[in-house]
Amino acid sequence: MHEVLAAYGLTDHFEARFAEVATESSRLGRVIRQDRGYAVVATESGSVTAAVQGQRTGAVVAGDWVCVDDATVTQVLERTSVLRRGVSARDDPDNITEQPLVANIDVLFVVCGADRPRKAGRIERAVAQAWDANALPVLVMTKVDLLDDLDAEVVSLQSEMPMVEIVPVSAQTGLGIDELK
């Protein structure tokens, strides 16, 4: 029924959720871009710009599966995962809320370049966010052709993060490109 949306990751789970809430005029879609008050949604008949009903921070994020009626997102299907960050209020820095960034992801690529010093804390935070989002983190090391000892760098990273796959990549030599795909 939704062959075009298969390329956007449509699963039987989301088709079933859509069938439960859809009206006769509803179209199933996946949010591919979200801005204040509207979202660009990939549907079976192409991309549409749709207003977001009851817009509030995090109401709709990229990756959400939604019902679209008359160029309006009327329903957000239950998310299977959410990548989020903490945000403090301007007037009260101790009041931290969560801001969803992207939904329904399976894999999160954490990218770090070998052309600059590695910041372990940044990588660890991104990996922790991926696990928290129910997504599999994959560390992508770019520009590895600049390293003197790639194997030592990979061993070092693997010892710091034994549960994370590491994919060394070089656009110059082509190393890792097929694996990344």
N, C-alpha and C. Protein backbone atom coordinates (compact mmCIF):
# COMPACT_ATOMS: atom_id res chain seq x y z
N MET A 1 0.81 -1.20 0.00
CA MET A 1 0.00 0.00 0.00
C MET A 1 0.86 1.26 0.00
N HIS A 2 1.91 1.32 0.80
CA HIS A 2 2.75 2.51 0.92
C HIS A 2 4.16 2.21 0.44
N GLU A 3 4.31 1.86 -0.82
CA GLU A 3 5.60 1.43 -1.35
C GLU A 3 6.64 2.55 -1.34
N VAL A 4 6.25 3.77 -1.67
CA VAL A 4 7.20 4.88 -1.69
C VAL A 4 7.75 5.14 -0.29
N LEU A 5 6.90 5.00 0.71
CA LEU A 5 7.32 5.29 2.09
C LEU A 5 8.26 4.22 2.65
N ALA A 6 8.36 3.08 2.01
CA ALA A 6 9.30 2.06 2.46
C ALA A 6 10.73 2.61 2.41
N ALA A 7 11.02 3.46 1.45
CA ALA A 7 12.34 4.07 1.35
C ALA A 7 12.63 5.01 2.52
N TYR A 8 11.58 5.46 3.21
CA TYR A 8 11.73 6.34 4.37
C TYR A 8 11.69 5.55 5.68
N GLY A 9 11.68 4.22 5.57
CA GLY A 9 11.74 3.38 6.76
C GLY A 9 10.40 2.91 7.29
N LEU A 10 9.36 2.97 6.48
CA LEU A 10 8.05 2.53 6.93
C LEU A 10 8.07 1.05 7.30
N THR A 11 7.52 0.75 8.47
CA THR A 11 7.45 -0.64 8.94
C THR A 11 5.98 -1.02 9.15
N ASP A 12 5.76 -2.30 9.34
CA ASP A 12 4.41 -2.79 9.63
C ASP A 12 3.86 -2.14 10.89
N HIS A 13 4.74 -1.89 11.87
CA HIS A 13 4.33 -1.26 13.12
C HIS A 13 3.66 0.09 12.86
N PHE A 14 4.30 0.94 12.06
CA PHE A 14 3.73 2.27 11.81
C PHE A 14 2.51 2.21 10.89
N GLU A 15 2.50 1.26 9.96
CA GLU A 15 1.30 1.09 9.13
C GLU A 15 0.10 0.72 10.00
N ALA A 16 0.33 -0.17 10.97
CA ALA A 16 -0.76 -0.58 11.87
C ALA A 16 -1.22 0.59 12.74
N ARG A 17 -0.27 1.40 13.26
CA ARG A 17 -0.66 2.56 14.09
C ARG A 17 -1.47 3.55 13.26
N PHE A 18 -1.06 3.74 12.00
CA PHE A 18 -1.78 4.65 11.11
C PHE A 18 -3.21 4.15 10.89
N ALA A 19 -3.35 2.86 10.62
CA ALA A 19 -4.68 2.28 10.37
C ALA A 19 -5.60 2.48 11.57
N GLU A 20 -5.06 2.52 12.78
CA GLU A 20 -5.86 2.69 14.00
C GLU A 20 -6.44 4.10 14.13
N VAL A 21 -5.73 5.11 13.61
CA VAL A 21 -6.14 6.50 13.85
C VAL A 21 -6.55 7.28 12.61
N ALA A 22 -6.32 6.72 11.43
CA ALA A 22 -6.56 7.46 10.19
C ALA A 22 -8.05 7.64 9.92
N THR A 23 -8.35 8.78 9.32
CA THR A 23 -9.69 9.01 8.81
C THR A 23 -9.66 8.71 7.31
N GLU A 24 -10.79 8.84 6.67
CA GLU A 24 -10.86 8.56 5.24
C GLU A 24 -9.96 9.48 4.42
N SER A 25 -9.78 10.72 4.90
CA SER A 25 -8.97 11.68 4.14
C SER A 25 -7.51 11.74 4.59
N SER A 26 -7.13 10.94 5.59
CA SER A 26 -5.76 10.98 6.10
C SER A 26 -4.77 10.34 5.15
N ARG A 27 -3.57 10.96 5.11
CA ARG A 27 -2.44 10.38 4.40
C ARG A 27 -1.34 10.12 5.42
N LEU A 28 -0.67 9.00 5.28
CA LEU A 28 0.46 8.67 6.13
C LEU A 28 1.70 9.37 5.58
N GLY A 29 2.54 9.88 6.47
CA GLY A 29 3.76 10.52 6.03
C GLY A 29 4.83 10.51 7.11
N ARG A 30 6.06 10.81 6.69
CA ARG A 30 7.18 10.91 7.63
C ARG A 30 7.74 12.32 7.54
N VAL A 31 7.92 12.93 8.69
CA VAL A 31 8.45 14.29 8.75
C VAL A 31 9.93 14.24 8.36
N ILE A 32 10.27 15.02 7.33
CA ILE A 32 11.67 15.07 6.90
C ILE A 32 12.30 16.42 7.23
N ARG A 33 11.46 17.37 7.63
CA ARG A 33 11.95 18.67 8.09
C ARG A 33 10.87 19.31 8.94
N GLN A 34 11.30 19.96 10.00
CA GLN A 34 10.35 20.61 10.89
C GLN A 34 10.83 22.02 11.18
N ASP A 35 9.94 22.98 11.03
CA ASP A 35 10.20 24.37 11.39
C ASP A 35 9.03 24.85 12.22
N ARG A 36 9.14 26.04 12.75
CA ARG A 36 8.07 26.57 13.59
C ARG A 36 6.74 26.62 12.84
N GLY A 37 5.81 25.83 13.34
CA GLY A 37 4.46 25.89 12.79
C GLY A 37 4.19 25.04 11.58
N TYR A 38 5.22 24.46 10.98
CA TYR A 38 4.96 23.59 9.84
C TYR A 38 6.02 22.50 9.73
N ALA A 39 5.70 21.50 8.92
CA ALA A 39 6.63 20.40 8.70
C ALA A 39 6.59 20.03 7.22
N VAL A 40 7.72 19.60 6.70
CA VAL A 40 7.76 19.02 5.36
C VAL A 40 7.63 17.51 5.58
N VAL A 41 6.62 16.93 4.94
CA VAL A 41 6.27 15.53 5.18
C VAL A 41 6.35 14.75 3.87
N ALA A 42 7.09 13.66 3.90
CA ALA A 42 7.14 12.75 2.74
C ALA A 42 5.91 11.86 2.79
N THR A 43 5.14 11.87 1.71
CA THR A 43 3.96 11.02 1.62
C THR A 43 4.08 10.14 0.38
N GLU A 44 3.14 9.25 0.22
CA GLU A 44 3.13 8.36 -0.93
C GLU A 44 3.07 9.13 -2.25
N SER A 45 2.45 10.31 -2.22
CA SER A 45 2.30 11.10 -3.45
C SER A 45 3.32 12.23 -3.56
N GLY A 46 4.34 12.23 -2.72
CA GLY A 46 5.37 13.26 -2.76
C GLY A 46 5.42 14.06 -1.47
N SER A 47 6.33 15.01 -1.41
CA SER A 47 6.50 15.83 -0.20
C SER A 47 5.45 16.94 -0.17
N VAL A 48 4.94 17.20 1.04
CA VAL A 48 3.98 18.28 1.23
C VAL A 48 4.43 19.11 2.42
N THR A 49 4.11 20.40 2.37
CA THR A 49 4.34 21.27 3.52
C THR A 49 3.02 21.32 4.28
N ALA A 50 3.08 20.95 5.55
CA ALA A 50 1.86 20.84 6.34
C ALA A 50 1.97 21.66 7.62
N ALA A 51 0.90 22.35 7.95
CA ALA A 51 0.84 23.07 9.23
C ALA A 51 0.78 22.04 10.35
N VAL A 52 1.28 22.43 11.52
CA VAL A 52 1.27 21.54 12.66
C VAL A 52 0.21 22.03 13.64
N GLN A 53 -0.79 21.19 13.87
CA GLN A 53 -1.88 21.54 14.78
C GLN A 53 -1.35 21.61 16.20
N GLY A 54 -1.74 22.63 16.94
CA GLY A 54 -1.33 22.75 18.34
C GLY A 54 0.17 22.78 18.51
N GLN A 55 0.86 23.54 17.67
CA GLN A 55 2.32 23.57 17.66
C GLN A 55 2.89 23.96 19.02
N ARG A 56 3.79 23.14 19.51
CA ARG A 56 4.57 23.43 20.71
C ARG A 56 5.92 22.77 20.52
N THR A 57 6.91 23.18 21.28
CA THR A 57 8.25 22.63 21.13
C THR A 57 8.20 21.11 21.24
N GLY A 58 8.71 20.45 20.23
CA GLY A 58 8.77 19.00 20.25
C GLY A 58 7.50 18.30 19.82
N ALA A 59 6.47 19.04 19.44
CA ALA A 59 5.22 18.41 19.03
C ALA A 59 5.46 17.51 17.83
N VAL A 60 6.27 17.97 16.90
CA VAL A 60 6.63 17.21 15.71
C VAL A 60 8.11 17.42 15.47
N VAL A 61 8.82 16.32 15.24
CA VAL A 61 10.25 16.41 14.93
C VAL A 61 10.55 15.55 13.71
N ALA A 62 11.69 15.79 13.10
CA ALA A 62 12.11 14.97 11.97
C ALA A 62 12.10 13.51 12.40
N GLY A 63 11.59 12.66 11.51
CA GLY A 63 11.52 11.23 11.80
C GLY A 63 10.17 10.76 12.28
N ASP A 64 9.32 11.68 12.72
CA ASP A 64 7.98 11.30 13.17
C ASP A 64 7.16 10.75 12.01
N TRP A 65 6.34 9.76 12.30
CA TRP A 65 5.32 9.29 11.37
C TRP A 65 4.04 9.99 11.76
N VAL A 66 3.35 10.57 10.78
CA VAL A 66 2.21 11.43 11.07
C VAL A 66 1.04 11.15 10.12
N CYS A 67 -0.14 11.62 10.55
CA CYS A 67 -1.32 11.67 9.69
C CYS A 67 -1.42 13.10 9.18
N VAL A 68 -1.64 13.23 7.87
CA VAL A 68 -1.80 14.55 7.26
C VAL A 68 -3.20 14.61 6.66
N ASP A 69 -3.95 15.65 7.06
CA ASP A 69 -5.29 15.91 6.52
C ASP A 69 -5.33 17.35 6.06
N ASP A 70 -5.67 17.57 4.80
CA ASP A 70 -5.81 18.94 4.28
C ASP A 70 -4.61 19.82 4.61
N ALA A 71 -3.42 19.35 4.31
CA ALA A 71 -2.17 20.09 4.52
C ALA A 71 -1.95 20.47 5.98
N THR A 72 -2.45 19.62 6.90
CA THR A 72 -2.24 19.83 8.33
C THR A 72 -1.84 18.50 8.97
N VAL A 73 -0.80 18.51 9.80
CA VAL A 73 -0.45 17.33 10.59
C VAL A 73 -1.47 17.27 11.72
N THR A 74 -2.29 16.24 11.70
CA THR A 74 -3.36 16.12 12.69
C THR A 74 -3.06 15.10 13.78
N GLN A 75 -2.11 14.22 13.52
CA GLN A 75 -1.81 13.16 14.48
C GLN A 75 -0.36 12.77 14.35
N VAL A 76 0.34 12.63 15.48
CA VAL A 76 1.70 12.10 15.50
C VAL A 76 1.60 10.68 16.04
N LEU A 77 2.06 9.72 15.27
CA LEU A 77 2.00 8.33 15.72
C LEU A 77 3.01 8.11 16.83
N GLU A 78 2.71 7.18 17.71
CA GLU A 78 3.57 6.91 18.86
C GLU A 78 4.99 6.60 18.40
N ARG A 79 5.95 7.26 19.03
CA ARG A 79 7.36 7.12 18.67
C ARG A 79 7.96 5.85 19.25
N THR A 80 8.87 5.25 18.50
CA THR A 80 9.60 4.09 19.01
C THR A 80 10.92 4.50 19.66
N SER A 81 11.40 5.68 19.31
CA SER A 81 12.63 6.21 19.91
C SER A 81 12.64 7.72 19.74
N VAL A 82 13.35 8.39 20.65
CA VAL A 82 13.48 9.84 20.58
C VAL A 82 14.88 10.23 21.03
N LEU A 83 15.60 10.93 20.15
CA LEU A 83 16.89 11.51 20.52
C LEU A 83 16.59 12.89 21.06
N ARG A 84 17.05 13.18 22.28
CA ARG A 84 16.70 14.44 22.93
C ARG A 84 17.91 15.04 23.63
N ARG A 85 17.75 16.31 23.96
CA ARG A 85 18.80 17.00 24.73
C ARG A 85 18.12 17.81 25.83
N GLY A 86 18.88 18.12 26.85
CA GLY A 86 18.37 18.95 27.93
C GLY A 86 18.54 20.42 27.59
N VAL A 87 17.54 21.21 27.89
CA VAL A 87 17.56 22.64 27.62
C VAL A 87 17.14 23.37 28.88
N SER A 88 17.92 24.38 29.28
CA SER A 88 17.55 25.15 30.47
C SER A 88 16.78 26.40 30.05
N ALA A 89 15.86 26.81 30.90
CA ALA A 89 15.06 28.01 30.63
C ALA A 89 15.94 29.24 30.79
N ARG A 90 15.72 30.25 29.96
CA ARG A 90 16.53 31.48 30.03
C ARG A 90 16.41 32.16 31.38
N ASP A 91 15.21 32.19 31.91
CA ASP A 91 14.99 32.90 33.17
C ASP A 91 15.28 32.04 34.40
N ASP A 92 15.45 30.73 34.21
CA ASP A 92 15.72 29.84 35.34
C ASP A 92 16.64 28.71 34.87
N PRO A 93 17.98 28.93 34.92
CA PRO A 93 18.93 27.94 34.40
C PRO A 93 18.87 26.59 35.12
N ASP A 94 18.27 26.55 36.31
CA ASP A 94 18.15 25.28 37.04
C ASP A 94 16.97 24.46 36.56
N ASN A 95 16.08 25.08 35.80
CA ASN A 95 14.91 24.41 35.27
C ASN A 95 15.25 23.82 33.89
N ILE A 96 15.58 22.53 33.87
CA ILE A 96 15.99 21.89 32.62
C ILE A 96 14.85 21.02 32.10
N THR A 97 14.52 21.24 30.84
CA THR A 97 13.50 20.42 30.18
C THR A 97 14.16 19.65 29.04
N GLU A 98 13.44 18.68 28.54
CA GLU A 98 13.97 17.90 27.43
C GLU A 98 13.41 18.40 26.12
N GLN A 99 14.29 18.53 25.13
CA GLN A 99 13.89 18.94 23.80
C GLN A 99 14.13 17.77 22.84
N PRO A 100 13.06 17.22 22.27
CA PRO A 100 13.27 16.16 21.29
C PRO A 100 13.91 16.72 20.02
N LEU A 101 14.86 15.98 19.47
CA LEU A 101 15.57 16.42 18.27
C LEU A 101 15.14 15.64 17.03
N VAL A 102 15.01 14.33 17.18
CA VAL A 102 14.64 13.45 16.08
C VAL A 102 13.98 12.20 16.66
N ALA A 103 13.06 11.61 15.90
CA ALA A 103 12.31 10.46 16.40
C ALA A 103 12.45 9.26 15.48
N ASN A 104 12.18 8.11 16.06
CA ASN A 104 12.08 6.84 15.32
C ASN A 104 13.35 6.50 14.55
N ILE A 105 14.48 6.61 15.23
CA ILE A 105 15.75 6.26 14.61
C ILE A 105 16.22 4.92 15.16
N ASP A 106 16.95 4.18 14.34
CA ASP A 106 17.51 2.90 14.75
C ASP A 106 19.00 2.99 14.99
N VAL A 107 19.66 3.83 14.19
CA VAL A 107 21.12 3.96 14.24
C VAL A 107 21.46 5.44 14.29
N LEU A 108 22.45 5.80 15.13
CA LEU A 108 22.93 7.17 15.20
C LEU A 108 24.43 7.16 14.91
N PHE A 109 24.82 7.87 13.85
CA PHE A 109 26.23 7.98 13.51
C PHE A 109 26.82 9.16 14.27
N VAL A 110 27.83 8.87 15.08
CA VAL A 110 28.58 9.89 15.80
C VAL A 110 29.86 10.10 15.00
N VAL A 111 30.02 11.29 14.43
CA VAL A 111 31.13 11.54 13.51
C VAL A 111 32.20 12.38 14.19
N CYS A 112 33.45 11.93 14.09
CA CYS A 112 34.58 12.72 14.60
C CYS A 112 35.71 12.64 13.58
N GLY A 113 36.36 13.76 13.38
CA GLY A 113 37.43 13.84 12.40
C GLY A 113 38.79 13.59 13.01
N ALA A 114 39.63 12.89 12.29
CA ALA A 114 40.99 12.61 12.75
C ALA A 114 41.91 13.80 12.55
N ASP A 115 41.38 14.88 11.97
CA ASP A 115 42.20 16.06 11.70
C ASP A 115 42.21 17.04 12.88
N ARG A 116 41.60 16.66 13.97
CA ARG A 116 41.57 17.52 15.16
C ARG A 116 41.60 16.67 16.41
N PRO A 117 41.94 17.26 17.55
CA PRO A 117 41.99 16.48 18.79
C PRO A 117 40.62 15.87 19.10
N ARG A 118 40.65 14.63 19.54
CA ARG A 118 39.42 13.93 19.89
C ARG A 118 38.94 14.40 21.26
N LYS A 119 37.68 14.76 21.34
CA LYS A 119 37.09 15.18 22.61
C LYS A 119 36.23 14.02 23.13
N ALA A 120 36.82 13.25 24.04
CA ALA A 120 36.16 12.04 24.55
C ALA A 120 34.80 12.36 25.16
N GLY A 121 34.71 13.47 25.88
CA GLY A 121 33.44 13.82 26.53
C GLY A 121 32.32 14.03 25.52
N ARG A 122 32.63 14.69 24.41
CA ARG A 122 31.62 14.93 23.37
C ARG A 122 31.15 13.60 22.78
N ILE A 123 32.09 12.73 22.50
CA ILE A 123 31.76 11.43 21.92
C ILE A 123 30.94 10.61 22.92
N GLU A 124 31.38 10.59 24.18
CA GLU A 124 30.66 9.84 25.20
C GLU A 124 29.23 10.35 25.38
N ARG A 125 29.04 11.67 25.35
CA ARG A 125 27.68 12.24 25.47
C ARG A 125 26.81 11.81 24.30
N ALA A 126 27.36 11.87 23.10
CA ALA A 126 26.59 11.49 21.91
C ALA A 126 26.23 10.00 21.95
N VAL A 127 27.17 9.17 22.37
CA VAL A 127 26.90 7.73 22.48
C VAL A 127 25.83 7.48 23.55
N ALA A 128 25.93 8.18 24.68
CA ALA A 128 24.93 8.03 25.74
C ALA A 128 23.55 8.47 25.25
N GLN A 129 23.50 9.57 24.49
CA GLN A 129 22.23 10.03 23.94
C GLN A 129 21.65 8.99 22.99
N ALA A 130 22.50 8.36 22.20
CA ALA A 130 22.02 7.32 21.28
C ALA A 130 21.41 6.16 22.04
N TRP A 131 22.13 5.67 23.06
CA TRP A 131 21.60 4.56 23.86
C TRP A 131 20.28 4.98 24.51
N ASP A 132 20.24 6.20 25.05
CA ASP A 132 19.02 6.70 25.69
C ASP A 132 17.86 6.77 24.71
N ALA A 133 18.16 7.03 23.45
CA ALA A 133 17.13 7.14 22.42
C ALA A 133 16.73 5.77 21.86
N ASN A 134 17.29 4.72 22.41
CA ASN A 134 16.98 3.38 21.91
C ASN A 134 17.56 3.15 20.52
N ALA A 135 18.65 3.83 20.22
CA ALA A 135 19.30 3.71 18.91
C ALA A 135 20.69 3.13 19.09
N LEU A 136 21.17 2.49 18.06
CA LEU A 136 22.50 1.90 18.07
C LEU A 136 23.52 2.96 17.65
N PRO A 137 24.48 3.31 18.54
CA PRO A 137 25.50 4.28 18.14
C PRO A 137 26.60 3.62 17.31
N VAL A 138 27.03 4.33 16.26
CA VAL A 138 28.16 3.90 15.45
C VAL A 138 29.10 5.09 15.35
N LEU A 139 30.34 4.90 15.76
CA LEU A 139 31.32 5.97 15.72
C LEU A 139 32.01 5.96 14.35
N VAL A 140 31.88 7.06 13.62
CA VAL A 140 32.49 7.19 12.30
C VAL A 140 33.69 8.12 12.43
N MET A 141 34.88 7.57 12.22
CA MET A 141 36.11 8.36 12.26
C MET A 141 36.44 8.78 10.83
N THR A 142 36.40 10.05 10.55
CA THR A 142 36.69 10.53 9.20
C THR A 142 38.14 10.99 9.09
N LYS A 143 38.60 11.13 7.87
CA LYS A 143 39.94 11.64 7.56
C LYS A 143 41.04 10.79 8.19
N VAL A 144 40.81 9.47 8.26
CA VAL A 144 41.79 8.60 8.91
C VAL A 144 43.08 8.47 8.11
N ASP A 145 43.09 8.91 6.86
CA ASP A 145 44.33 8.90 6.08
C ASP A 145 45.37 9.84 6.69
N LEU A 146 44.95 10.74 7.57
CA LEU A 146 45.87 11.67 8.22
C LEU A 146 46.55 11.08 9.45
N LEU A 147 46.10 9.91 9.90
CA LEU A 147 46.66 9.29 11.10
C LEU A 147 47.94 8.52 10.77
N ASP A 148 48.90 8.58 11.69
CA ASP A 148 50.13 7.80 11.54
C ASP A 148 49.90 6.33 11.85
N ASP A 149 49.02 6.06 12.85
CA ASP A 149 48.77 4.68 13.27
C ASP A 149 47.27 4.48 13.49
N LEU A 150 46.57 4.16 12.41
CA LEU A 150 45.12 3.97 12.47
C LEU A 150 44.74 2.85 13.42
N ASP A 151 45.47 1.73 13.35
CA ASP A 151 45.13 0.59 14.19
C ASP A 151 45.20 0.95 15.68
N ALA A 152 46.21 1.70 16.08
CA ALA A 152 46.35 2.10 17.48
C ALA A 152 45.20 3.00 17.90
N GLU A 153 44.77 3.89 17.02
CA GLU A 153 43.66 4.80 17.32
C GLU A 153 42.35 4.01 17.49
N VAL A 154 42.13 3.04 16.62
CA VAL A 154 40.92 2.22 16.71
C VAL A 154 40.93 1.40 18.00
N VAL A 155 42.08 0.80 18.33
CA VAL A 155 42.19 0.02 19.56
C VAL A 155 41.92 0.90 20.77
N SER A 156 42.47 2.12 20.77
CA SER A 156 42.26 3.05 21.87
C SER A 156 40.77 3.39 22.02
N LEU A 157 40.13 3.72 20.92
CA LEU A 157 38.70 4.04 20.97
C LEU A 157 37.87 2.83 21.40
N GLN A 158 38.22 1.66 20.89
CA GLN A 158 37.46 0.46 21.22
C GLN A 158 37.58 0.13 22.70
N SER A 159 38.74 0.41 23.31
CA SER A 159 38.90 0.16 24.74
C SER A 159 38.07 1.13 25.57
N GLU A 160 37.88 2.35 25.05
CA GLU A 160 37.06 3.34 25.75
C GLU A 160 35.57 3.06 25.58
N MET A 161 35.19 2.50 24.42
CA MET A 161 33.78 2.25 24.12
C MET A 161 33.62 0.86 23.51
N PRO A 162 33.72 -0.18 24.34
CA PRO A 162 33.72 -1.55 23.80
C PRO A 162 32.40 -1.97 23.14
N MET A 163 31.31 -1.31 23.44
CA MET A 163 30.00 -1.70 22.88
C MET A 163 29.63 -0.92 21.63
N VAL A 164 30.56 -0.09 21.13
CA VAL A 164 30.26 0.77 20.00
C VAL A 164 31.07 0.35 18.79
N GLU A 165 30.38 0.16 17.66
CA GLU A 165 31.08 -0.15 16.41
C GLU A 165 31.82 1.10 15.94
N ILE A 166 33.04 0.91 15.47
CA ILE A 166 33.85 2.01 14.97
C ILE A 166 34.12 1.78 13.49
N VAL A 167 33.81 2.80 12.69
CA VAL A 167 34.01 2.71 11.24
C VAL A 167 34.99 3.79 10.82
N PRO A 168 36.26 3.42 10.55
CA PRO A 168 37.23 4.39 10.02
C PRO A 168 36.93 4.67 8.55
N VAL A 169 36.94 5.95 8.18
CA VAL A 169 36.57 6.35 6.82
C VAL A 169 37.58 7.37 6.30
N SER A 170 37.91 7.23 5.01
CA SER A 170 38.73 8.21 4.34
C SER A 170 38.16 8.47 2.95
N ALA A 171 37.77 9.69 2.69
CA ALA A 171 37.29 10.05 1.35
C ALA A 171 38.45 10.04 0.36
N GLN A 172 39.67 10.29 0.84
CA GLN A 172 40.84 10.32 -0.03
C GLN A 172 41.19 8.94 -0.57
N THR A 173 41.16 7.93 0.31
CA THR A 173 41.56 6.58 -0.10
C THR A 173 40.37 5.66 -0.37
N GLY A 174 39.18 6.04 0.09
CA GLY A 174 38.00 5.20 -0.09
C GLY A 174 37.81 4.19 1.03
N LEU A 175 38.73 4.17 1.99
CA LEU A 175 38.63 3.23 3.11
C LEU A 175 37.32 3.44 3.87
N GLY A 176 36.60 2.36 4.10
CA GLY A 176 35.40 2.41 4.94
C GLY A 176 34.14 2.92 4.28
N ILE A 177 34.21 3.43 3.07
CA ILE A 177 33.04 4.00 2.41
C ILE A 177 31.96 2.95 2.19
N ASP A 178 32.36 1.77 1.67
CA ASP A 178 31.38 0.70 1.45
C ASP A 178 30.78 0.22 2.76
N GLU A 179 31.59 0.10 3.79
CA GLU A 179 31.09 -0.33 5.10
C GLU A 179 30.09 0.68 5.64
N LEU A 180 30.38 1.94 5.46
CA LEU A 180 29.49 3.00 5.95
C LEU A 180 28.14 2.94 5.23
N LYS A 181 28.19 2.68 3.92
CA LYS A 181 26.94 2.57 3.15
C LYS A 181 26.10 1.44 3.69
